PDB file of all heavy atoms in Angstrom:
ATOM      1  N   ASN A   1     -57.128  -3.587  49.392  1.00  0.00           N
ATOM      2  CA  ASN A   1     -58.515  -2.951  49.354  1.00  0.00           C
ATOM      3  C   ASN A   1     -59.350  -3.474  48.119  1.00  0.00           C
ATOM      4  O   ASN A   1     -60.532  -3.403  48.138  1.00  0.00           O
ATOM      5  CB  ASN A   1     -58.431  -1.466  49.110  1.00  0.00           C
ATOM      6  CG  ASN A   1     -58.074  -0.773  50.376  1.00  0.00           C
ATOM      7  OD1 ASN A   1     -58.249  -1.324  51.491  1.00  0.00           O
ATOM      8  ND2 ASN A   1     -57.571   0.400  50.406  1.00  0.00           N
ATOM      9  N   LEU A   2     -58.660  -4.323  47.291  1.00  0.00           N
ATOM     10  CA  LEU A   2     -59.379  -5.004  46.143  1.00  0.00           C
ATOM     11  C   LEU A   2     -60.422  -5.929  46.712  1.00  0.00           C
ATOM     12  O   LEU A   2     -61.452  -6.109  46.130  1.00  0.00           O
ATOM     13  CB  LEU A   2     -58.429  -5.737  45.335  1.00  0.00           C
ATOM     14  CG  LEU A   2     -58.993  -6.216  43.935  1.00  0.00           C
ATOM     15  CD1 LEU A   2     -59.502  -5.158  42.980  1.00  0.00           C
ATOM     16  CD2 LEU A   2     -57.785  -7.013  43.237  1.00  0.00           C
ATOM     17  N   ALA A   3     -60.076  -6.560  47.914  1.00  0.00           N
ATOM     18  CA  ALA A   3     -60.996  -7.476  48.707  1.00  0.00           C
ATOM     19  C   ALA A   3     -62.201  -6.615  49.066  1.00  0.00           C
ATOM     20  O   ALA A   3     -63.205  -7.299  49.495  1.00  0.00           O
ATOM     21  CB  ALA A   3     -60.260  -8.085  49.835  1.00  0.00           C
ATOM     22  N   LEU A   4     -62.200  -5.394  49.223  1.00  0.00           N
ATOM     23  CA  LEU A   4     -63.436  -4.612  49.611  1.00  0.00           C
ATOM     24  C   LEU A   4     -64.688  -4.745  48.631  1.00  0.00           C
ATOM     25  O   LEU A   4     -65.829  -4.556  48.958  1.00  0.00           O
ATOM     26  CB  LEU A   4     -63.137  -3.181  49.809  1.00  0.00           C
ATOM     27  CG  LEU A   4     -62.305  -2.870  50.979  1.00  0.00           C
ATOM     28  CD1 LEU A   4     -61.948  -1.320  50.999  1.00  0.00           C
ATOM     29  CD2 LEU A   4     -63.019  -3.219  52.219  1.00  0.00           C
ATOM     30  N   ILE A   5     -64.332  -5.167  47.301  1.00  0.00           N
ATOM     31  CA  ILE A   5     -65.335  -5.319  46.244  1.00  0.00           C
ATOM     32  C   ILE A   5     -66.052  -6.652  46.624  1.00  0.00           C
ATOM     33  O   ILE A   5     -65.423  -7.686  46.566  1.00  0.00           O
ATOM     34  CB  ILE A   5     -64.706  -5.337  44.941  1.00  0.00           C
ATOM     35  CG1 ILE A   5     -64.026  -3.993  44.690  1.00  0.00           C
ATOM     36  CG2 ILE A   5     -65.804  -5.532  43.858  1.00  0.00           C
ATOM     37  CD1 ILE A   5     -63.234  -3.905  43.356  1.00  0.00           C
ATOM     38  N   ARG A   6     -67.328  -6.540  46.953  1.00  0.00           N
ATOM     39  CA  ARG A   6     -67.968  -7.737  47.389  1.00  0.00           C
ATOM     40  C   ARG A   6     -68.284  -8.772  46.265  1.00  0.00           C
ATOM     41  O   ARG A   6     -68.310 -10.032  46.502  1.00  0.00           O
ATOM     42  CB  ARG A   6     -69.407  -7.241  47.956  1.00  0.00           C
ATOM     43  CG  ARG A   6     -69.323  -6.609  49.306  1.00  0.00           C
ATOM     44  CD  ARG A   6     -70.566  -5.870  49.709  1.00  0.00           C
ATOM     45  NE  ARG A   6     -71.030  -4.803  48.714  1.00  0.00           N
ATOM     46  CZ  ARG A   6     -72.129  -4.148  48.757  1.00  0.00           C
ATOM     47  NH1 ARG A   6     -73.066  -4.472  49.596  1.00  0.00           N
ATOM     48  NH2 ARG A   6     -72.276  -3.216  47.917  1.00  0.00           N
ATOM     49  N   ASP A   7     -68.518  -8.269  45.016  1.00  0.00           N
ATOM     50  CA  ASP A   7     -68.819  -9.223  44.003  1.00  0.00           C
ATOM     51  C   ASP A   7     -67.495  -9.843  43.441  1.00  0.00           C
ATOM     52  O   ASP A   7     -66.686  -9.206  42.853  1.00  0.00           O
ATOM     53  CB  ASP A   7     -69.354  -8.359  42.788  1.00  0.00           C
ATOM     54  CG  ASP A   7     -69.973  -9.308  41.669  1.00  0.00           C
ATOM     55  OD1 ASP A   7     -69.380 -10.441  41.484  1.00  0.00           O
ATOM     56  OD2 ASP A   7     -70.886  -8.903  40.972  1.00  0.00           O
ATOM     57  N   PRO A   8     -67.382 -11.158  43.694  1.00  0.00           N
ATOM     58  CA  PRO A   8     -66.038 -11.827  43.337  1.00  0.00           C
ATOM     59  C   PRO A   8     -65.855 -11.815  41.763  1.00  0.00           C
ATOM     60  O   PRO A   8     -64.712 -11.739  41.373  1.00  0.00           O
ATOM     61  CB  PRO A   8     -66.246 -13.244  43.756  1.00  0.00           C
ATOM     62  CG  PRO A   8     -67.683 -13.441  43.961  1.00  0.00           C
ATOM     63  CD  PRO A   8     -68.203 -12.118  44.315  1.00  0.00           C
ATOM     64  N   GLU A   9     -66.907 -11.857  41.016  1.00  0.00           N
ATOM     65  CA  GLU A   9     -66.709 -11.879  39.507  1.00  0.00           C
ATOM     66  C   GLU A   9     -66.227 -10.476  39.073  1.00  0.00           C
ATOM     67  O   GLU A   9     -65.385 -10.568  38.167  1.00  0.00           O
ATOM     68  CB  GLU A   9     -68.109 -12.187  38.858  1.00  0.00           C
ATOM     69  CG  GLU A   9     -68.509 -13.682  39.159  1.00  0.00           C
ATOM     70  CD  GLU A   9     -69.816 -13.997  38.383  1.00  0.00           C
ATOM     71  OE1 GLU A   9     -70.388 -13.139  37.611  1.00  0.00           O
ATOM     72  OE2 GLU A   9     -70.316 -15.178  38.550  1.00  0.00           O
ATOM     73  N   LEU A  10     -66.776  -9.512  39.588  1.00  0.00           N
ATOM     74  CA  LEU A  10     -66.365  -8.094  39.284  1.00  0.00           C
ATOM     75  C   LEU A  10     -64.869  -7.944  39.750  1.00  0.00           C
ATOM     76  O   LEU A  10     -64.053  -7.328  38.944  1.00  0.00           O
ATOM     77  CB  LEU A  10     -67.258  -7.033  39.921  1.00  0.00           C
ATOM     78  CG  LEU A  10     -66.813  -5.582  39.664  1.00  0.00           C
ATOM     79  CD1 LEU A  10     -66.815  -5.338  38.105  1.00  0.00           C
ATOM     80  CD2 LEU A  10     -67.732  -4.567  40.379  1.00  0.00           C
ATOM     81  N   ARG A  11     -64.530  -8.442  40.841  1.00  0.00           N
ATOM     82  CA  ARG A  11     -63.132  -8.361  41.381  1.00  0.00           C
ATOM     83  C   ARG A  11     -62.213  -9.099  40.470  1.00  0.00           C
ATOM     84  O   ARG A  11     -61.141  -8.554  40.160  1.00  0.00           O
ATOM     85  CB  ARG A  11     -63.102  -8.908  42.847  1.00  0.00           C
ATOM     86  CG  ARG A  11     -61.822  -8.660  43.591  1.00  0.00           C
ATOM     87  CD  ARG A  11     -62.043  -8.942  45.014  1.00  0.00           C
ATOM     88  NE  ARG A  11     -62.391 -10.355  45.276  1.00  0.00           N
ATOM     89  CZ  ARG A  11     -63.542 -10.727  45.929  1.00  0.00           C
ATOM     90  NH1 ARG A  11     -64.382  -9.826  46.386  1.00  0.00           N
ATOM     91  NH2 ARG A  11     -63.809 -12.016  46.121  1.00  0.00           N
ATOM     92  N   ASP A  12     -62.574 -10.264  39.995  1.00  0.00           N
ATOM     93  CA  ASP A  12     -61.716 -11.018  39.167  1.00  0.00           C
ATOM     94  C   ASP A  12     -61.642 -10.382  37.816  1.00  0.00           C
ATOM     95  O   ASP A  12     -60.558 -10.390  37.098  1.00  0.00           O
ATOM     96  CB  ASP A  12     -62.274 -12.409  38.993  1.00  0.00           C
ATOM     97  CG  ASP A  12     -62.206 -13.253  40.225  1.00  0.00           C
ATOM     98  OD1 ASP A  12     -61.399 -12.869  41.148  1.00  0.00           O
ATOM     99  OD2 ASP A  12     -62.884 -14.320  40.359  1.00  0.00           O
ATOM    100  N   GLN A  13     -62.678  -9.791  37.347  1.00  0.00           N
ATOM    101  CA  GLN A  13     -62.674  -9.094  35.952  1.00  0.00           C
ATOM    102  C   GLN A  13     -61.759  -7.864  36.079  1.00  0.00           C
ATOM    103  O   GLN A  13     -61.015  -7.624  35.127  1.00  0.00           O
ATOM    104  CB  GLN A  13     -64.045  -8.572  35.643  1.00  0.00           C
ATOM    105  CG  GLN A  13     -64.113  -8.074  34.301  1.00  0.00           C
ATOM    106  CD  GLN A  13     -65.630  -7.622  33.924  1.00  0.00           C
ATOM    107  OE1 GLN A  13     -66.583  -7.662  34.659  1.00  0.00           O
ATOM    108  NE2 GLN A  13     -65.943  -7.174  32.665  1.00  0.00           N
ATOM    109  N   ILE A  14     -61.725  -7.108  37.092  1.00  0.00           N
ATOM    110  CA  ILE A  14     -60.860  -5.985  37.295  1.00  0.00           C
ATOM    111  C   ILE A  14     -59.416  -6.413  37.236  1.00  0.00           C
ATOM    112  O   ILE A  14     -58.602  -5.888  36.458  1.00  0.00           O
ATOM    113  CB  ILE A  14     -61.106  -5.227  38.532  1.00  0.00           C
ATOM    114  CG1 ILE A  14     -62.501  -4.590  38.580  1.00  0.00           C
ATOM    115  CG2 ILE A  14     -60.074  -4.225  38.920  1.00  0.00           C
ATOM    116  CD1 ILE A  14     -62.983  -4.035  39.850  1.00  0.00           C
ATOM    117  N   ALA A  15     -59.048  -7.494  38.032  1.00  0.00           N
ATOM    118  CA  ALA A  15     -57.681  -8.062  38.022  1.00  0.00           C
ATOM    119  C   ALA A  15     -57.244  -8.491  36.683  1.00  0.00           C
ATOM    120  O   ALA A  15     -56.157  -8.264  36.294  1.00  0.00           O
ATOM    121  CB  ALA A  15     -57.505  -9.065  39.086  1.00  0.00           C
ATOM    122  N   ARG A  16     -58.136  -9.207  35.957  1.00  0.00           N
ATOM    123  CA  ARG A  16     -57.855  -9.752  34.656  1.00  0.00           C
ATOM    124  C   ARG A  16     -57.633  -8.692  33.634  1.00  0.00           C
ATOM    125  O   ARG A  16     -56.509  -8.815  32.843  1.00  0.00           O
ATOM    126  CB  ARG A  16     -59.007 -10.657  34.261  1.00  0.00           C
ATOM    127  CG  ARG A  16     -58.765 -11.398  32.919  1.00  0.00           C
ATOM    128  CD  ARG A  16     -59.794 -12.463  32.681  1.00  0.00           C
ATOM    129  NE  ARG A  16     -60.993 -11.857  32.567  1.00  0.00           N
ATOM    130  CZ  ARG A  16     -62.092 -11.832  33.446  1.00  0.00           C
ATOM    131  NH1 ARG A  16     -61.898 -12.546  34.515  1.00  0.00           N
ATOM    132  NH2 ARG A  16     -63.215 -11.392  33.137  1.00  0.00           N
ATOM    133  N   VAL A  17     -58.295  -7.594  33.588  1.00  0.00           N
ATOM    134  CA  VAL A  17     -58.101  -6.571  32.604  1.00  0.00           C
ATOM    135  C   VAL A  17     -56.802  -5.865  32.829  1.00  0.00           C
ATOM    136  O   VAL A  17     -55.997  -5.570  31.897  1.00  0.00           O
ATOM    137  CB  VAL A  17     -59.334  -5.463  32.610  1.00  0.00           C
ATOM    138  CG1 VAL A  17     -58.956  -4.337  31.865  1.00  0.00           C
ATOM    139  CG2 VAL A  17     -60.610  -6.236  32.130  1.00  0.00           C
ATOM    140  N   TYR A  18     -56.500  -5.625  34.060  1.00  0.00           N
ATOM    141  CA  TYR A  18     -55.310  -4.816  34.294  1.00  0.00           C
ATOM    142  C   TYR A  18     -54.128  -5.738  34.111  1.00  0.00           C
ATOM    143  O   TYR A  18     -53.004  -5.295  33.660  1.00  0.00           O
ATOM    144  CB  TYR A  18     -55.253  -4.376  35.769  1.00  0.00           C
ATOM    145  CG  TYR A  18     -55.991  -2.899  35.776  1.00  0.00           C
ATOM    146  CD1 TYR A  18     -57.356  -2.829  36.146  1.00  0.00           C
ATOM    147  CD2 TYR A  18     -55.241  -1.771  35.570  1.00  0.00           C
ATOM    148  CE1 TYR A  18     -57.955  -1.644  36.205  1.00  0.00           C
ATOM    149  CE2 TYR A  18     -55.859  -0.479  35.637  1.00  0.00           C
ATOM    150  CZ  TYR A  18     -57.243  -0.492  35.984  1.00  0.00           C
ATOM    151  OH  TYR A  18     -57.862   0.786  35.943  1.00  0.00           O
ATOM    152  N   ASN A  19     -54.151  -6.955  34.453  1.00  0.00           N
ATOM    153  CA  ASN A  19     -53.091  -7.948  34.082  1.00  0.00           C
ATOM    154  C   ASN A  19     -52.773  -8.094  32.743  1.00  0.00           C
ATOM    155  O   ASN A  19     -51.636  -8.175  32.199  1.00  0.00           O
ATOM    156  CB  ASN A  19     -53.353  -9.362  34.816  1.00  0.00           C
ATOM    157  CG  ASN A  19     -53.165  -9.201  36.385  1.00  0.00           C
ATOM    158  OD1 ASN A  19     -52.586  -8.397  36.916  1.00  0.00           O
ATOM    159  ND2 ASN A  19     -53.943 -10.155  37.043  1.00  0.00           N
ATOM    160  N   ASN A  20     -53.914  -8.130  31.934  1.00  0.00           N
ATOM    161  CA  ASN A  20     -53.743  -8.198  30.458  1.00  0.00           C
ATOM    162  C   ASN A  20     -53.119  -7.029  29.907  1.00  0.00           C
ATOM    163  O   ASN A  20     -52.271  -7.115  28.878  1.00  0.00           O
ATOM    164  CB  ASN A  20     -55.188  -8.481  29.806  1.00  0.00           C
ATOM    165  CG  ASN A  20     -55.590  -9.866  29.996  1.00  0.00           C
ATOM    166  OD1 ASN A  20     -54.800 -10.767  30.212  1.00  0.00           O
ATOM    167  ND2 ASN A  20     -56.959 -10.095  29.830  1.00  0.00           N
ATOM    168  N   THR A  21     -53.369  -5.952  30.430  1.00  0.00           N
ATOM    169  CA  THR A  21     -52.892  -4.588  30.039  1.00  0.00           C
ATOM    170  C   THR A  21     -51.379  -4.666  30.212  1.00  0.00           C
ATOM    171  O   THR A  21     -50.579  -4.291  29.348  1.00  0.00           O
ATOM    172  CB  THR A  21     -53.496  -3.354  30.847  1.00  0.00           C
ATOM    173  OG1 THR A  21     -54.889  -3.406  30.628  1.00  0.00           O
ATOM    174  CG2 THR A  21     -52.855  -2.092  30.504  1.00  0.00           C
ATOM    175  N   GLU A  22     -50.935  -5.074  31.392  1.00  0.00           N
ATOM    176  CA  GLU A  22     -49.510  -5.124  31.550  1.00  0.00           C
ATOM    177  C   GLU A  22     -48.793  -6.165  30.680  1.00  0.00           C
ATOM    178  O   GLU A  22     -47.705  -5.856  30.134  1.00  0.00           O
ATOM    179  CB  GLU A  22     -49.272  -5.583  33.002  1.00  0.00           C
ATOM    180  CG  GLU A  22     -47.873  -5.478  33.581  1.00  0.00           C
ATOM    181  CD  GLU A  22     -47.686  -5.715  34.956  1.00  0.00           C
ATOM    182  OE1 GLU A  22     -48.634  -6.180  35.624  1.00  0.00           O
ATOM    183  OE2 GLU A  22     -46.649  -5.434  35.558  1.00  0.00           O
ATOM    184  N   ARG A  23     -49.472  -7.287  30.478  1.00  0.00           N
ATOM    185  CA  ARG A  23     -48.859  -8.284  29.600  1.00  0.00           C
ATOM    186  C   ARG A  23     -48.681  -7.689  28.120  1.00  0.00           C
ATOM    187  O   ARG A  23     -47.758  -7.938  27.413  1.00  0.00           O
ATOM    188  CB  ARG A  23     -49.749  -9.495  29.577  1.00  0.00           C
ATOM    189  CG  ARG A  23     -49.240 -10.658  28.611  1.00  0.00           C
ATOM    190  CD  ARG A  23     -49.940 -11.892  28.902  1.00  0.00           C
ATOM    191  NE  ARG A  23     -51.412 -11.783  28.737  1.00  0.00           N
ATOM    192  CZ  ARG A  23     -51.962 -11.983  27.464  1.00  0.00           C
ATOM    193  NH1 ARG A  23     -51.250 -12.221  26.453  1.00  0.00           N
ATOM    194  NH2 ARG A  23     -53.256 -11.871  27.422  1.00  0.00           N
ATOM    195  N   TRP A  24     -49.786  -7.033  27.582  1.00  0.00           N
ATOM    196  CA  TRP A  24     -49.760  -6.576  26.292  1.00  0.00           C
ATOM    197  C   TRP A  24     -48.835  -5.440  26.054  1.00  0.00           C
ATOM    198  O   TRP A  24     -48.222  -5.240  25.036  1.00  0.00           O
ATOM    199  CB  TRP A  24     -51.142  -6.222  25.811  1.00  0.00           C
ATOM    200  CG  TRP A  24     -52.039  -7.332  25.642  1.00  0.00           C
ATOM    201  CD1 TRP A  24     -51.645  -8.654  25.348  1.00  0.00           C
ATOM    202  CD2 TRP A  24     -53.446  -7.462  25.635  1.00  0.00           C
ATOM    203  NE1 TRP A  24     -52.780  -9.412  25.310  1.00  0.00           N
ATOM    204  CE2 TRP A  24     -53.920  -8.734  25.415  1.00  0.00           C
ATOM    205  CE3 TRP A  24     -54.456  -6.405  25.841  1.00  0.00           C
ATOM    206  CZ2 TRP A  24     -55.216  -9.092  25.326  1.00  0.00           C
ATOM    207  CZ3 TRP A  24     -55.783  -6.799  25.889  1.00  0.00           C
ATOM    208  CH2 TRP A  24     -56.189  -8.084  25.622  1.00  0.00           C
ATOM    209  N   GLU A  25     -48.506  -4.627  27.144  1.00  0.00           N
ATOM    210  CA  GLU A  25     -47.634  -3.559  27.057  1.00  0.00           C
ATOM    211  C   GLU A  25     -46.270  -4.144  26.867  1.00  0.00           C
ATOM    212  O   GLU A  25     -45.428  -3.566  26.116  1.00  0.00           O
ATOM    213  CB  GLU A  25     -47.815  -2.623  28.283  1.00  0.00           C
ATOM    214  CG  GLU A  25     -48.952  -1.675  28.187  1.00  0.00           C
ATOM    215  CD  GLU A  25     -49.263  -0.941  29.524  1.00  0.00           C
ATOM    216  OE1 GLU A  25     -48.566  -1.228  30.473  1.00  0.00           O
ATOM    217  OE2 GLU A  25     -50.017   0.022  29.396  1.00  0.00           O
ATOM    218  N   GLY A  26     -46.001  -5.258  27.683  1.00  0.00           N
ATOM    219  CA  GLY A  26     -44.663  -5.862  27.521  1.00  0.00           C
ATOM    220  C   GLY A  26     -44.501  -6.474  26.210  1.00  0.00           C
ATOM    221  O   GLY A  26     -43.376  -6.387  25.637  1.00  0.00           O
ATOM    222  N   THR A  27     -45.606  -7.059  25.511  1.00  0.00           N
ATOM    223  CA  THR A  27     -45.573  -7.638  24.302  1.00  0.00           C
ATOM    224  C   THR A  27     -45.123  -6.485  23.270  1.00  0.00           C
ATOM    225  O   THR A  27     -44.258  -6.831  22.277  1.00  0.00           O
ATOM    226  CB  THR A  27     -46.841  -8.286  23.943  1.00  0.00           C
ATOM    227  OG1 THR A  27     -47.213  -9.266  24.902  1.00  0.00           O
ATOM    228  CG2 THR A  27     -46.721  -8.915  22.406  1.00  0.00           C
ATOM    229  N   ALA A  28     -45.752  -5.401  23.338  1.00  0.00           N
ATOM    230  CA  ALA A  28     -45.468  -4.324  22.425  1.00  0.00           C
ATOM    231  C   ALA A  28     -44.045  -3.852  22.491  1.00  0.00           C
ATOM    232  O   ALA A  28     -43.320  -3.581  21.536  1.00  0.00           O
ATOM    233  CB  ALA A  28     -46.367  -3.065  22.699  1.00  0.00           C
ATOM    234  N   GLU A  29     -43.504  -3.832  23.649  1.00  0.00           N
ATOM    235  CA  GLU A  29     -42.107  -3.423  23.904  1.00  0.00           C
ATOM    236  C   GLU A  29     -41.185  -4.384  23.381  1.00  0.00           C
ATOM    237  O   GLU A  29     -40.098  -4.028  22.680  1.00  0.00           O
ATOM    238  CB  GLU A  29     -41.801  -3.145  25.338  1.00  0.00           C
ATOM    239  CG  GLU A  29     -40.430  -2.519  25.672  1.00  0.00           C
ATOM    240  CD  GLU A  29     -40.222  -2.158  27.095  1.00  0.00           C
ATOM    241  OE1 GLU A  29     -41.223  -2.295  27.877  1.00  0.00           O
ATOM    242  OE2 GLU A  29     -39.166  -1.673  27.406  1.00  0.00           O
ATOM    243  N   VAL A  30     -41.398  -5.663  23.472  1.00  0.00           N
ATOM    244  CA  VAL A  30     -40.534  -6.749  23.112  1.00  0.00           C
ATOM    245  C   VAL A  30     -40.457  -6.730  21.578  1.00  0.00           C
ATOM    246  O   VAL A  30     -39.368  -7.054  21.020  1.00  0.00           O
ATOM    247  CB  VAL A  30     -41.002  -8.066  23.646  1.00  0.00           C
ATOM    248  CG1 VAL A  30     -40.231  -9.238  22.858  1.00  0.00           C
ATOM    249  CG2 VAL A  30     -40.821  -8.235  25.028  1.00  0.00           C
TER     250      VAL A  30
END
């Protein structure tokens, strides 16, 4: 359903923020 967002820049921004969140949480744990 992420593809339902018509604006590709907004769609990419959403994915980037959440992916960074996961990466930083992993960094904190390590």
